[in-house]
Amino acid sequence: MIFSAASVAVLGTMFMAMTRALRGPTVFDRVLAVNMFGTKTVLLMCLVGFAVGRPEFMDVAIVYALMNFIGTLTILKYYEYGDLAATEPAEDRLEEVD
């Protein structure tokens, strides 16, 4: 019963995160919302795993959390530098900051 209530609460926060991802005024808001959605997905996977008596879902959740973290860093680096292999921000990005 407690796992079901917690799953519903997590689904509610996932809905709010998805709303922010779709409506976010800036790119950073959207990336943060997608990262939050991924984090809530990890939590939901753990809750469902324990609810159905399969705690090995934790392993999958940990791998998903790592992929979510790396994906978020990759998106932010691409947005900032314009290339994943670049070590300095693109020229047009520097002009926007100034």
Foldseek 3Di string as FASTA:
>chain_A
DVLVVVLVVLVVLLVVLVVCLVPPPDPVSNLVSVLSNLLSVLVNQCSVCVVVVRNVSNVVSVVSNVVSVVVSVQVVCCVQQVDSPDPDRDPVNVVVVD
